[in-house]
Each structure stands twice: as structure tokens, then as C-alpha cells.
C-alpha atoms as a PDB file:
ATOM      1  CA  UNK A   1      38.485   4.672 -17.787  1.00  0.00           C
ATOM      2  CA  UNK A   2      35.799   3.756 -20.281  1.00  0.00           C
ATOM      3  CA  UNK A   3      33.280   6.508 -21.022  1.00  0.00           C
ATOM      4  CA  UNK A   4      30.321   4.320 -19.647  1.00  0.00           C
ATOM      5  CA  UNK A   5      32.257   3.782 -16.399  1.00  0.00           C
ATOM      6  CA  UNK A   6      32.609   7.573 -15.943  1.00  0.00           C
ATOM      7  CA  UNK A   7      28.884   7.990 -16.060  1.00  0.00           C
ATOM      8  CA  UNK A   8      28.133   5.313 -13.481  1.00  0.00           C
ATOM      9  CA  UNK A   9      27.169   6.510  -9.961  1.00  0.00           C
ATOM     10  CA  UNK A  10      29.503   5.170  -7.428  1.00  0.00           C
ATOM     11  CA  UNK A  11      28.063   2.090  -5.911  1.00  0.00           C
ATOM     12  CA  UNK A  12      25.585   1.539  -8.639  1.00  0.00           C
ATOM     13  CA  UNK A  13      25.172  -1.845  -9.937  1.00  0.00           C
ATOM     14  CA  UNK A  14      25.512  -2.965 -13.596  1.00  0.00           C
ATOM     15  CA  UNK A  15      23.090  -4.750 -15.845  1.00  0.00           C
ATOM     16  CA  UNK A  16      24.156  -8.203 -14.682  1.00  0.00           C
ATOM     17  CA  UNK A  17      22.730  -7.628 -11.334  1.00  0.00           C
ATOM     18  CA  UNK A  18      19.441  -6.384 -12.845  1.00  0.00           C
ATOM     19  CA  UNK A  19      19.075  -9.668 -14.892  1.00  0.00           C
ATOM     20  CA  UNK A  20      19.239 -11.794 -11.683  1.00  0.00           C
ATOM     21  CA  UNK A  21      16.195 -10.031 -10.277  1.00  0.00           C
ATOM     22  CA  UNK A  22      14.077 -10.058 -13.349  1.00  0.00           C
ATOM     23  CA  UNK A  23      10.782 -11.869 -13.098  1.00  0.00           C
ATOM     24  CA  UNK A  24      10.075 -14.857 -15.372  1.00  0.00           C
ATOM     25  CA  UNK A  25       7.150 -14.119 -17.745  1.00  0.00           C
ATOM     26  CA  UNK A  26       5.132 -16.753 -15.895  1.00  0.00           C
ATOM     27  CA  UNK A  27       5.694 -15.104 -12.473  1.00  0.00           C
ATOM     28  CA  UNK A  28       4.925 -11.680 -13.814  1.00  0.00           C
ATOM     29  CA  UNK A  29       1.592 -12.947 -15.339  1.00  0.00           C
ATOM     30  CA  UNK A  30       0.802 -14.778 -12.036  1.00  0.00           C
ATOM     31  CA  UNK A  31       1.243 -11.410 -10.068  1.00  0.00           C
ATOM     32  CA  UNK A  32      -0.809  -9.539 -12.644  1.00  0.00           C
ATOM     33  CA  UNK A  33      -3.613 -12.129 -12.430  1.00  0.00           C
ATOM     34  CA  UNK A  34      -3.591 -12.248  -8.698  1.00  0.00           C
ATOM     35  CA  UNK A  35      -3.740  -8.475  -8.525  1.00  0.00           C
ATOM     36  CA  UNK A  36      -6.746  -8.196 -10.962  1.00  0.00           C
ATOM     37  CA  UNK A  37      -8.431 -10.960  -9.298  1.00  0.00           C
ATOM     38  CA  UNK A  38      -8.073  -9.661  -5.683  1.00  0.00           C
ATOM     39  CA  UNK A  39      -7.284  -6.013  -5.378  1.00  0.00           C
ATOM     40  CA  UNK A  40     -10.436  -4.563  -6.852  1.00  0.00           C
ATOM     41  CA  UNK A  41     -13.408  -5.674  -4.718  1.00  0.00           C
ATOM     42  CA  UNK A  42     -16.837  -4.597  -5.802  1.00  0.00           C
ATOM     43  CA  UNK A  43     -19.134  -6.334  -3.194  1.00  0.00           C
ATOM     44  CA  UNK A  44     -22.278  -4.458  -4.515  1.00  0.00           C
ATOM     45  CA  UNK A  45     -21.355  -5.193  -8.149  1.00  0.00           C
ATOM     46  CA  UNK A  46     -21.797  -1.581  -9.038  1.00  0.00           C
ATOM     47  CA  UNK A  47     -21.664  -1.058 -12.803  1.00  0.00           C
ATOM     48  CA  UNK A  48     -21.078  -4.615 -13.553  1.00  0.00           C
ATOM     49  CA  UNK A  49     -22.046  -5.856 -16.964  1.00  0.00           C
ATOM     50  CA  UNK A  50     -24.254  -8.906 -17.293  1.00  0.00           C
ATOM     51  CA  UNK A  51     -22.469 -12.372 -17.208  1.00  0.00           C
ATOM     52  CA  UNK A  52     -23.675 -12.907 -20.865  1.00  0.00           C
ATOM     53  CA  UNK A  53     -21.598  -9.812 -21.813  1.00  0.00           C
ATOM     54  CA  UNK A  54     -18.487 -11.212 -20.123  1.00  0.00           C
ATOM     55  CA  UNK A  55     -19.063 -14.649 -21.698  1.00  0.00           C
ATOM     56  CA  UNK A  56     -19.238 -13.122 -25.048  1.00  0.00           C
ATOM     57  CA  UNK A  57     -16.179 -11.055 -24.494  1.00  0.00           C
ATOM     58  CA  UNK A  58     -14.324 -14.230 -23.554  1.00  0.00           C
ATOM     59  CA  UNK A  59     -15.532 -15.958 -26.670  1.00  0.00           C
ATOM     60  CA  UNK A  60     -14.791 -13.045 -28.932  1.00  0.00           C
ATOM     61  CA  UNK A  61     -12.232 -10.874 -27.263  1.00  0.00           C
ATOM     62  CA  UNK A  62     -11.555  -8.750 -30.274  1.00  0.00           C
ATOM     63  CA  UNK A  63     -15.191  -7.674 -30.161  1.00  0.00           C
ATOM     64  CA  UNK A  64     -15.178  -6.591 -26.463  1.00  0.00           C
ATOM     65  CA  UNK A  65     -16.188  -3.016 -26.024  1.00  0.00           C
ATOM     66  CA  UNK A  66     -13.797  -0.684 -24.436  1.00  0.00           C
ATOM     67  CA  UNK A  67     -16.311   0.013 -21.705  1.00  0.00           C
ATOM     68  CA  UNK A  68     -16.308  -3.796 -20.672  1.00  0.00           C
ATOM     69  CA  UNK A  69     -12.502  -4.007 -21.027  1.00  0.00           C
ATOM     70  CA  UNK A  70     -12.109  -1.066 -18.790  1.00  0.00           C
ATOM     71  CA  UNK A  71     -14.583  -2.326 -16.302  1.00  0.00           C
ATOM     72  CA  UNK A  72     -13.082  -5.994 -16.200  1.00  0.00           C
ATOM     73  CA  UNK A  73      -9.733  -4.406 -15.446  1.00  0.00           C
ATOM     74  CA  UNK A  74     -11.062  -2.498 -12.488  1.00  0.00           C
ATOM     75  CA  UNK A  75     -13.581  -4.858 -10.905  1.00  0.00           C
ATOM     76  CA  UNK A  76     -12.161  -8.242  -9.396  1.00  0.00           C
ATOM     77  CA  UNK A  77     -15.547 -10.099  -9.376  1.00  0.00           C
ATOM     78  CA  UNK A  78     -15.927  -9.292 -13.159  1.00  0.00           C
ATOM     79  CA  UNK A  79     -12.317 -10.236 -13.848  1.00  0.00           C
ATOM     80  CA  UNK A  80     -12.867 -13.561 -12.113  1.00  0.00           C
ATOM     81  CA  UNK A  81     -16.055 -14.387 -14.115  1.00  0.00           C
ATOM     82  CA  UNK A  82     -14.340 -13.316 -17.350  1.00  0.00           C
ATOM     83  CA  UNK A  83     -11.382 -15.455 -16.452  1.00  0.00           C
ATOM     84  CA  UNK A  84     -13.722 -18.517 -15.697  1.00  0.00           C
ATOM     85  CA  UNK A  85     -15.408 -18.020 -19.103  1.00  0.00           C
ATOM     86  CA  UNK A  86     -12.028 -17.807 -20.877  1.00  0.00           C
ATOM     87  CA  UNK A  87     -10.956 -21.148 -19.250  1.00  0.00           C
ATOM     88  CA  UNK A  88     -14.132 -22.698 -20.728  1.00  0.00           C
ATOM     89  CA  UNK A  89     -13.723 -21.168 -24.143  1.00  0.00           C
ATOM     90  CA  UNK A  90     -12.138 -23.523 -26.791  1.00  0.00           C
ATOM     91  CA  UNK A  91      -8.983 -22.256 -28.465  1.00  0.00           C
ATOM     92  CA  UNK A  92      -9.806 -21.302 -31.939  1.00  0.00           C
ATOM     93  CA  UNK A  93      -6.344 -20.473 -33.336  1.00  0.00           C
ATOM     94  CA  UNK A  94      -5.159 -23.171 -35.831  1.00  0.00           C
ATOM     95  CA  UNK A  95      -1.562 -22.605 -34.372  1.00  0.00           C
ATOM     96  CA  UNK A  96      -2.348 -23.604 -30.920  1.00  0.00           C
ATOM     97  CA  UNK A  97      -3.514 -27.083 -29.891  1.00  0.00           C
ATOM     98  CA  UNK A  98      -5.827 -27.872 -27.199  1.00  0.00           C
ATOM     99  CA  UNK A  99      -4.480 -29.749 -23.966  1.00  0.00           C
ATOM    100  CA  UNK A 100      -6.452 -32.677 -24.871  1.00  0.00           C
ATOM    101  CA  UNK A 101      -4.980 -32.893 -28.429  1.00  0.00           C
ATOM    102  CA  UNK A 102      -1.416 -32.425 -26.921  1.00  0.00           C
ATOM    103  CA  UNK A 103      -2.016 -35.147 -24.240  1.00  0.00           C
ATOM    104  CA  UNK A 104      -3.115 -37.557 -26.984  1.00  0.00           C
ATOM    105  CA  UNK A 105      -0.250 -36.773 -29.200  1.00  0.00           C
ATOM    106  CA  UNK A 106       2.334 -37.307 -26.401  1.00  0.00           C
ATOM    107  CA  UNK A 107       0.801 -40.755 -25.572  1.00  0.00           C
ATOM    108  CA  UNK A 108       1.330 -41.963 -29.150  1.00  0.00           C
END
């Protein structure tokens, strides 16, 4: 008997079974997005930063205050507003191409 087999609990499944159940990165992100977008209602918008703060945070994420970051992760309405602003913010990284640029390149 191999040493690793001796330490296994009878009936325990090996790593190969675990890999079959792993979520894809995309599925994991979708679950996280849905959780943040829906599971933290704040109907009275208590403690919410102004939309201008959320817009600025989307445009310059590295400059977002810890207070705003903490609030956005615990308030679905603010998370949704922040996500909307993120979707409207042009990508500034020189390594990433915009969807419009990628579509034009694939048509050539």
C-alpha cells in the first residue's frame, strides 16, 4: 500500500473527482456578480455614496477609498450602479483592446 493511500479515509474520493466539480472561472464570476447584485438590498439607500463617487471609482479604481469599496461590496444598489459605470468606462490598458477594435480587426 502506498503512503498516500494509507492516509485516505475509506470512501473518500480522490482529486480527479474534485476536478470534475470545479467551477469555470466564468461561472464563478457570474455567481459572485449575482450575489453582490442581489443579496444585499438597501431599499432606503442608507449610507450610500453619491453616484459621482461611484462613477469616479469606476473610472479610477485604484483611487477608490476603502470606505467606498467596503460599501459597494455590501450594498447591491451601489454595486449595480458601480457596475453600470464600469461598463461605460473605456478600457485604458494598452494591452487590452476594446470590443469595437477587436470586431473591426476580425472583419479585415
